[in-house]
Amino acid sequence: MEIRLVESNDEILRIYPVLKQLRPQYSEDNFVHFVQTELFPRGVRLAQLSDDGQLVCAAGFRISASLAWGKFVYIDDLVSLETNRSKGYGKAMLDWIAAYGKSQGCHELHLDSGVQRHEAHRFYLRERMDIVFYHFKKVLS
């Protein structure tokens, strides 16, 4: 198993099919463009997990800081291929991001999960994460 950061356009394209499961609103072209022009400039990092050369898990995360939490790592996206779930890949990625955040001086790891993602909630609770906030949104149009 190997986890590493995504940097090139080829690597962004490689993780697209995995992240598309979680973010189907992006076409392949839109995805690469959005990552390069909006995410990377804002400090978002993408990571990929491969097992025996096959890409099986991907994540998007960022290092940030706030008055409420101090310096923290925030996971925007974490997904394993549907055909490769419950094999420890999500846990490995979560642990890797936590270690990365700690190496950058972060004291906490945060993420949001859609209310309908019950399997993901069970996973996060199993990984000893706590439900500590409600997240509210308002569409600005």
N, C-alpha and C. Protein backbone atom coordinates (compact mmCIF):
# COMPACT_ATOMS: atom_id res chain seq x y z
N MET A 1 0.85 -1.17 0.00
CA MET A 1 0.00 0.00 0.00
C MET A 1 0.90 1.24 0.00
N GLU A 2 0.57 2.19 -0.88
CA GLU A 2 1.34 3.43 -0.97
C GLU A 2 0.39 4.63 -1.00
N ILE A 3 0.67 5.62 -0.17
CA ILE A 3 -0.10 6.87 -0.17
C ILE A 3 0.86 7.99 -0.49
N ARG A 4 0.45 8.84 -1.44
CA ARG A 4 1.30 9.99 -1.76
C ARG A 4 0.44 11.14 -2.26
N LEU A 5 1.03 12.33 -2.23
CA LEU A 5 0.33 13.52 -2.70
C LEU A 5 0.23 13.53 -4.22
N VAL A 6 -0.84 14.11 -4.71
CA VAL A 6 -1.10 14.28 -6.14
C VAL A 6 -0.58 15.65 -6.53
N GLU A 7 0.16 15.72 -7.63
CA GLU A 7 0.71 17.01 -8.05
C GLU A 7 0.50 17.32 -9.52
N SER A 8 0.67 16.36 -10.39
CA SER A 8 0.63 16.62 -11.84
C SER A 8 -0.80 16.48 -12.38
N ASN A 9 -1.02 17.02 -13.58
CA ASN A 9 -2.31 16.86 -14.25
C ASN A 9 -2.62 15.38 -14.49
N ASP A 10 -1.61 14.59 -14.84
CA ASP A 10 -1.83 13.15 -15.04
C ASP A 10 -2.32 12.48 -13.76
N GLU A 11 -1.75 12.88 -12.63
CA GLU A 11 -2.19 12.31 -11.35
C GLU A 11 -3.60 12.79 -10.99
N ILE A 12 -3.91 14.04 -11.30
CA ILE A 12 -5.27 14.55 -11.06
C ILE A 12 -6.26 13.74 -11.89
N LEU A 13 -5.93 13.50 -13.16
CA LEU A 13 -6.79 12.68 -14.02
C LEU A 13 -6.94 11.27 -13.48
N ARG A 14 -5.87 10.74 -12.93
CA ARG A 14 -5.88 9.36 -12.42
C ARG A 14 -6.84 9.21 -11.25
N ILE A 15 -6.94 10.21 -10.38
CA ILE A 15 -7.83 10.08 -9.23
C ILE A 15 -9.27 10.48 -9.53
N TYR A 16 -9.49 11.06 -10.72
CA TYR A 16 -10.84 11.53 -11.06
C TYR A 16 -11.91 10.44 -10.91
N PRO A 17 -11.72 9.22 -11.44
CA PRO A 17 -12.78 8.22 -11.30
C PRO A 17 -13.13 7.88 -9.85
N VAL A 18 -12.17 7.96 -8.96
CA VAL A 18 -12.44 7.68 -7.55
C VAL A 18 -13.23 8.84 -6.94
N LEU A 19 -12.76 10.06 -7.11
CA LEU A 19 -13.44 11.21 -6.52
C LEU A 19 -14.79 11.50 -7.18
N LYS A 20 -14.96 11.06 -8.42
CA LYS A 20 -16.25 11.26 -9.11
C LYS A 20 -17.38 10.53 -8.37
N GLN A 21 -17.06 9.44 -7.68
CA GLN A 21 -18.08 8.73 -6.90
C GLN A 21 -18.68 9.64 -5.83
N LEU A 22 -17.88 10.53 -5.29
CA LEU A 22 -18.33 11.45 -4.24
C LEU A 22 -18.78 12.79 -4.81
N ARG A 23 -18.17 13.20 -5.92
CA ARG A 23 -18.45 14.50 -6.53
C ARG A 23 -18.81 14.33 -8.01
N PRO A 24 -19.98 13.75 -8.30
CA PRO A 24 -20.35 13.45 -9.69
C PRO A 24 -20.66 14.67 -10.54
N GLN A 25 -20.72 15.85 -9.95
CA GLN A 25 -21.07 17.06 -10.70
C GLN A 25 -19.95 17.51 -11.63
N TYR A 26 -18.76 16.95 -11.51
CA TYR A 26 -17.63 17.39 -12.33
C TYR A 26 -17.38 16.44 -13.49
N SER A 27 -17.22 17.01 -14.69
CA SER A 27 -16.70 16.23 -15.81
C SER A 27 -15.20 16.13 -15.62
N GLU A 28 -14.56 15.27 -16.38
CA GLU A 28 -13.11 15.10 -16.27
C GLU A 28 -12.39 16.43 -16.50
N ASP A 29 -12.78 17.15 -17.55
CA ASP A 29 -12.13 18.44 -17.86
C ASP A 29 -12.37 19.47 -16.76
N ASN A 30 -13.64 19.58 -16.31
CA ASN A 30 -13.96 20.53 -15.23
C ASN A 30 -13.17 20.22 -13.98
N PHE A 31 -13.03 18.93 -13.69
CA PHE A 31 -12.34 18.49 -12.48
C PHE A 31 -10.89 18.97 -12.47
N VAL A 32 -10.16 18.67 -13.53
CA VAL A 32 -8.75 19.06 -13.61
C VAL A 32 -8.62 20.58 -13.53
N HIS A 33 -9.46 21.29 -14.28
CA HIS A 33 -9.41 22.76 -14.29
C HIS A 33 -9.69 23.32 -12.89
N PHE A 34 -10.72 22.80 -12.23
CA PHE A 34 -11.10 23.29 -10.90
C PHE A 34 -9.99 23.03 -9.89
N VAL A 35 -9.41 21.83 -9.93
CA VAL A 35 -8.31 21.51 -9.01
C VAL A 35 -7.15 22.48 -9.22
N GLN A 36 -6.77 22.70 -10.49
CA GLN A 36 -5.60 23.54 -10.78
C GLN A 36 -5.84 25.03 -10.51
N THR A 37 -7.05 25.51 -10.78
CA THR A 37 -7.29 26.96 -10.67
C THR A 37 -7.92 27.40 -9.35
N GLU A 38 -8.63 26.51 -8.69
CA GLU A 38 -9.33 26.89 -7.47
C GLU A 38 -8.80 26.20 -6.21
N LEU A 39 -8.52 24.90 -6.30
CA LEU A 39 -8.13 24.17 -5.09
C LEU A 39 -6.65 24.33 -4.75
N PHE A 40 -5.77 23.98 -5.69
CA PHE A 40 -4.33 24.05 -5.39
C PHE A 40 -3.90 25.46 -4.96
N PRO A 41 -4.38 26.53 -5.63
CA PRO A 41 -3.97 27.87 -5.18
C PRO A 41 -4.42 28.21 -3.76
N ARG A 42 -5.45 27.53 -3.27
CA ARG A 42 -5.96 27.78 -1.92
C ARG A 42 -5.36 26.81 -0.89
N GLY A 43 -4.38 26.04 -1.31
CA GLY A 43 -3.70 25.15 -0.37
C GLY A 43 -4.32 23.78 -0.20
N VAL A 44 -5.35 23.46 -0.97
CA VAL A 44 -5.93 22.12 -0.90
C VAL A 44 -4.94 21.13 -1.47
N ARG A 45 -4.77 20.03 -0.78
CA ARG A 45 -3.90 18.95 -1.23
C ARG A 45 -4.77 17.75 -1.58
N LEU A 46 -4.34 16.99 -2.57
CA LEU A 46 -5.00 15.74 -2.91
C LEU A 46 -4.03 14.60 -2.63
N ALA A 47 -4.54 13.49 -2.14
CA ALA A 47 -3.72 12.32 -1.86
C ALA A 47 -4.35 11.11 -2.53
N GLN A 48 -3.50 10.18 -2.94
CA GLN A 48 -3.97 8.94 -3.57
C GLN A 48 -3.37 7.74 -2.85
N LEU A 49 -4.17 6.69 -2.74
CA LEU A 49 -3.72 5.45 -2.13
C LEU A 49 -3.80 4.36 -3.19
N SER A 50 -2.68 3.71 -3.43
CA SER A 50 -2.62 2.61 -4.39
C SER A 50 -2.25 1.33 -3.66
N ASP A 51 -2.83 0.23 -4.11
CA ASP A 51 -2.50 -1.08 -3.58
C ASP A 51 -2.20 -1.99 -4.76
N ASP A 52 -1.02 -2.55 -4.79
CA ASP A 52 -0.56 -3.37 -5.92
C ASP A 52 -0.71 -2.62 -7.24
N GLY A 53 -0.41 -1.32 -7.22
CA GLY A 53 -0.46 -0.51 -8.43
C GLY A 53 -1.83 -0.02 -8.83
N GLN A 54 -2.88 -0.46 -8.12
CA GLN A 54 -4.25 -0.03 -8.45
C GLN A 54 -4.67 1.09 -7.50
N LEU A 55 -5.15 2.19 -8.06
CA LEU A 55 -5.66 3.30 -7.26
C LEU A 55 -6.98 2.87 -6.62
N VAL A 56 -7.07 2.95 -5.29
CA VAL A 56 -8.26 2.46 -4.59
C VAL A 56 -8.91 3.50 -3.67
N CYS A 57 -8.20 4.60 -3.39
CA CYS A 57 -8.73 5.59 -2.45
C CYS A 57 -8.11 6.95 -2.76
N ALA A 58 -8.88 8.01 -2.56
CA ALA A 58 -8.37 9.37 -2.78
C ALA A 58 -8.98 10.30 -1.73
N ALA A 59 -8.28 11.40 -1.50
CA ALA A 59 -8.75 12.36 -0.51
C ALA A 59 -8.30 13.76 -0.89
N GLY A 60 -9.08 14.74 -0.46
CA GLY A 60 -8.72 16.15 -0.57
C GLY A 60 -8.73 16.73 0.84
N PHE A 61 -7.71 17.50 1.17
CA PHE A 61 -7.61 18.05 2.52
C PHE A 61 -6.79 19.34 2.49
N ARG A 62 -6.84 20.06 3.60
CA ARG A 62 -6.09 21.32 3.69
C ARG A 62 -5.69 21.60 5.13
N ILE A 63 -4.62 22.31 5.26
CA ILE A 63 -4.19 22.81 6.56
C ILE A 63 -4.79 24.20 6.71
N SER A 64 -5.39 24.47 7.86
CA SER A 64 -6.01 25.77 8.07
C SER A 64 -5.87 26.17 9.54
N ALA A 65 -6.42 27.31 9.86
CA ALA A 65 -6.40 27.79 11.24
C ALA A 65 -7.63 28.64 11.49
N SER A 66 -8.09 28.60 12.72
CA SER A 66 -9.22 29.44 13.12
C SER A 66 -9.10 29.77 14.60
N LEU A 67 -9.81 30.78 15.03
CA LEU A 67 -9.82 31.12 16.45
C LEU A 67 -10.43 29.99 17.26
N ALA A 68 -11.41 29.30 16.70
CA ALA A 68 -12.10 28.23 17.42
C ALA A 68 -11.23 27.00 17.61
N TRP A 69 -10.46 26.63 16.59
CA TRP A 69 -9.75 25.35 16.60
C TRP A 69 -8.24 25.48 16.60
N GLY A 70 -7.71 26.66 16.44
CA GLY A 70 -6.26 26.79 16.28
C GLY A 70 -5.86 26.26 14.91
N LYS A 71 -4.69 25.66 14.80
CA LYS A 71 -4.24 25.09 13.53
C LYS A 71 -4.76 23.67 13.43
N PHE A 72 -5.38 23.35 12.28
CA PHE A 72 -6.02 22.04 12.12
C PHE A 72 -5.89 21.56 10.68
N VAL A 73 -6.13 20.28 10.49
CA VAL A 73 -6.23 19.71 9.14
C VAL A 73 -7.71 19.40 8.91
N TYR A 74 -8.19 19.79 7.74
CA TYR A 74 -9.60 19.60 7.38
C TYR A 74 -9.69 18.71 6.15
N ILE A 75 -10.46 17.64 6.25
CA ILE A 75 -10.66 16.74 5.12
C ILE A 75 -11.93 17.16 4.39
N ASP A 76 -11.78 17.55 3.13
CA ASP A 76 -12.92 17.92 2.29
C ASP A 76 -13.55 16.69 1.64
N ASP A 77 -12.71 15.76 1.21
CA ASP A 77 -13.18 14.58 0.47
C ASP A 77 -12.35 13.38 0.89
N LEU A 78 -13.02 12.25 1.11
CA LEU A 78 -12.34 10.99 1.39
C LEU A 78 -13.22 9.89 0.83
N VAL A 79 -12.71 9.14 -0.13
CA VAL A 79 -13.53 8.11 -0.76
C VAL A 79 -12.66 6.97 -1.27
N SER A 80 -13.17 5.75 -1.08
CA SER A 80 -12.57 4.56 -1.65
C SER A 80 -13.46 4.09 -2.78
N LEU A 81 -12.86 3.41 -3.76
CA LEU A 81 -13.67 2.82 -4.82
C LEU A 81 -14.73 1.93 -4.20
N GLU A 82 -15.95 1.98 -4.73
CA GLU A 82 -17.04 1.17 -4.18
C GLU A 82 -16.66 -0.30 -4.10
N THR A 83 -15.92 -0.77 -5.09
CA THR A 83 -15.54 -2.19 -5.13
C THR A 83 -14.43 -2.53 -4.13
N ASN A 84 -13.87 -1.51 -3.49
CA ASN A 84 -12.76 -1.74 -2.55
C ASN A 84 -13.03 -1.17 -1.16
N ARG A 85 -14.29 -1.12 -0.78
CA ARG A 85 -14.62 -0.61 0.55
C ARG A 85 -14.47 -1.71 1.59
N SER A 86 -14.31 -1.31 2.83
CA SER A 86 -14.16 -2.22 3.97
C SER A 86 -12.92 -3.09 3.86
N LYS A 87 -11.87 -2.53 3.26
CA LYS A 87 -10.60 -3.24 3.16
C LYS A 87 -9.48 -2.50 3.88
N GLY A 88 -9.84 -1.47 4.63
CA GLY A 88 -8.85 -0.73 5.41
C GLY A 88 -8.23 0.46 4.70
N TYR A 89 -8.65 0.73 3.46
CA TYR A 89 -8.05 1.84 2.71
C TYR A 89 -8.45 3.19 3.28
N GLY A 90 -9.72 3.35 3.63
CA GLY A 90 -10.17 4.61 4.21
C GLY A 90 -9.47 4.91 5.52
N LYS A 91 -9.32 3.89 6.36
CA LYS A 91 -8.61 4.04 7.63
C LYS A 91 -7.16 4.43 7.39
N ALA A 92 -6.52 3.76 6.43
CA ALA A 92 -5.12 4.07 6.13
C ALA A 92 -4.98 5.52 5.67
N MET A 93 -5.90 5.98 4.82
CA MET A 93 -5.85 7.36 4.34
C MET A 93 -6.12 8.34 5.48
N LEU A 94 -7.11 8.06 6.30
CA LEU A 94 -7.43 8.93 7.43
C LEU A 94 -6.22 9.04 8.37
N ASP A 95 -5.59 7.92 8.66
CA ASP A 95 -4.41 7.91 9.53
C ASP A 95 -3.25 8.69 8.89
N TRP A 96 -3.08 8.54 7.58
CA TRP A 96 -2.00 9.23 6.87
C TRP A 96 -2.21 10.74 6.91
N ILE A 97 -3.46 11.18 6.68
CA ILE A 97 -3.76 12.62 6.71
C ILE A 97 -3.57 13.15 8.13
N ALA A 98 -3.98 12.39 9.13
CA ALA A 98 -3.79 12.81 10.52
C ALA A 98 -2.30 12.98 10.82
N ALA A 99 -1.48 12.04 10.38
CA ALA A 99 -0.03 12.13 10.60
C ALA A 99 0.56 13.32 9.84
N TYR A 100 0.09 13.54 8.61
CA TYR A 100 0.54 14.69 7.82
C TYR A 100 0.20 15.98 8.56
N GLY A 101 -1.04 16.08 9.03
CA GLY A 101 -1.45 17.28 9.77
C GLY A 101 -0.62 17.49 11.02
N LYS A 102 -0.37 16.42 11.75
CA LYS A 102 0.44 16.53 12.96
C LYS A 102 1.85 17.01 12.62
N SER A 103 2.40 16.51 11.50
CA SER A 103 3.75 16.93 11.09
C SER A 103 3.79 18.41 10.70
N GLN A 104 2.63 18.98 10.38
CA GLN A 104 2.53 20.40 10.01
C GLN A 104 2.12 21.27 11.19
N GLY A 105 2.08 20.69 12.38
CA GLY A 105 1.76 21.45 13.58
C GLY A 105 0.29 21.53 13.92
N CYS A 106 -0.54 20.71 13.28
CA CYS A 106 -1.98 20.71 13.56
C CYS A 106 -2.26 19.94 14.84
N HIS A 107 -3.28 20.40 15.56
CA HIS A 107 -3.66 19.77 16.82
C HIS A 107 -4.97 19.00 16.70
N GLU A 108 -5.71 19.21 15.61
CA GLU A 108 -7.00 18.54 15.43
C GLU A 108 -7.21 18.22 13.96
N LEU A 109 -8.07 17.23 13.72
CA LEU A 109 -8.53 16.87 12.38
C LEU A 109 -10.04 17.06 12.36
N HIS A 110 -10.54 17.73 11.32
CA HIS A 110 -11.97 18.00 11.18
C HIS A 110 -12.45 17.55 9.81
N LEU A 111 -13.74 17.24 9.72
CA LEU A 111 -14.39 16.98 8.43
C LEU A 111 -15.88 17.12 8.61
N ASP A 112 -16.57 17.33 7.50
CA ASP A 112 -18.03 17.31 7.47
C ASP A 112 -18.44 16.09 6.67
N SER A 113 -19.59 15.53 7.00
CA SER A 113 -20.11 14.38 6.26
C SER A 113 -21.60 14.59 6.05
N GLY A 114 -22.06 14.40 4.83
CA GLY A 114 -23.47 14.58 4.53
C GLY A 114 -24.36 13.75 5.44
N VAL A 115 -25.50 14.30 5.83
CA VAL A 115 -26.38 13.61 6.78
C VAL A 115 -26.87 12.26 6.26
N GLN A 116 -26.86 12.08 4.94
CA GLN A 116 -27.34 10.84 4.35
C GLN A 116 -26.26 9.75 4.27
N ARG A 117 -25.04 10.05 4.61
CA ARG A 117 -23.91 9.11 4.45
C ARG A 117 -23.72 8.27 5.72
N HIS A 118 -24.69 7.40 5.98
CA HIS A 118 -24.70 6.61 7.21
C HIS A 118 -23.50 5.68 7.33
N GLU A 119 -23.09 5.06 6.23
CA GLU A 119 -21.91 4.18 6.28
C GLU A 119 -20.67 4.97 6.65
N ALA A 120 -20.53 6.16 6.09
CA ALA A 120 -19.38 7.01 6.42
C ALA A 120 -19.42 7.40 7.89
N HIS A 121 -20.60 7.69 8.43
CA HIS A 121 -20.71 8.07 9.84
C HIS A 121 -20.26 6.92 10.73
N ARG A 122 -20.69 5.69 10.40
CA ARG A 122 -20.26 4.53 11.18
C ARG A 122 -18.74 4.40 11.15
N PHE A 123 -18.16 4.62 9.96
CA PHE A 123 -16.71 4.55 9.81
C PHE A 123 -16.02 5.59 10.70
N TYR A 124 -16.46 6.85 10.65
CA TYR A 124 -15.82 7.90 11.43
C TYR A 124 -15.97 7.65 12.93
N LEU A 125 -17.12 7.17 13.35
CA LEU A 125 -17.32 6.86 14.76
C LEU A 125 -16.42 5.70 15.19
N ARG A 126 -16.27 4.71 14.33
CA ARG A 126 -15.36 3.59 14.60
C ARG A 126 -13.92 4.07 14.75
N GLU A 127 -13.60 5.14 14.02
CA GLU A 127 -12.24 5.71 14.07
C GLU A 127 -12.09 6.71 15.21
N ARG A 128 -13.04 6.69 16.14
CA ARG A 128 -13.00 7.48 17.37
C ARG A 128 -13.11 8.98 17.12
N MET A 129 -13.83 9.34 16.07
CA MET A 129 -14.13 10.76 15.83
C MET A 129 -15.44 11.08 16.54
N ASP A 130 -15.57 12.31 16.98
CA ASP A 130 -16.77 12.75 17.69
C ASP A 130 -17.60 13.67 16.81
N ILE A 131 -18.91 13.61 16.99
CA ILE A 131 -19.82 14.55 16.33
C ILE A 131 -19.90 15.77 17.25
N VAL A 132 -19.37 16.91 16.78
CA VAL A 132 -19.27 18.07 17.67
C VAL A 132 -19.95 19.33 17.14
N PHE A 133 -20.42 19.32 15.90
CA PHE A 133 -21.02 20.52 15.32
C PHE A 133 -22.18 20.14 14.41
N TYR A 134 -23.05 21.12 14.18
CA TYR A 134 -23.96 21.10 13.05
C TYR A 134 -23.36 22.03 12.02
N HIS A 135 -23.53 21.73 10.77
CA HIS A 135 -23.01 22.57 9.69
C HIS A 135 -24.22 23.17 8.97
N PHE A 136 -24.29 24.46 8.86
CA PHE A 136 -25.39 25.14 8.18
C PHE A 136 -24.90 25.74 6.88
N LYS A 137 -25.81 25.82 5.90
CA LYS A 137 -25.44 26.45 4.63
C LYS A 137 -26.59 27.30 4.13
N LYS A 138 -26.25 28.29 3.33
CA LYS A 138 -27.23 29.14 2.66
C LYS A 138 -26.72 29.36 1.25
N VAL A 139 -27.55 29.09 0.27
CA VAL A 139 -27.17 29.30 -1.12
C VAL A 139 -27.20 30.80 -1.41
N LEU A 140 -26.13 31.31 -1.98
CA LEU A 140 -26.03 32.73 -2.35
C LEU A 140 -26.19 32.84 -3.86
N SER A 141 -27.33 33.37 -4.28
CA SER A 141 -27.55 33.47 -5.73
C SER A 141 -28.02 34.84 -6.13
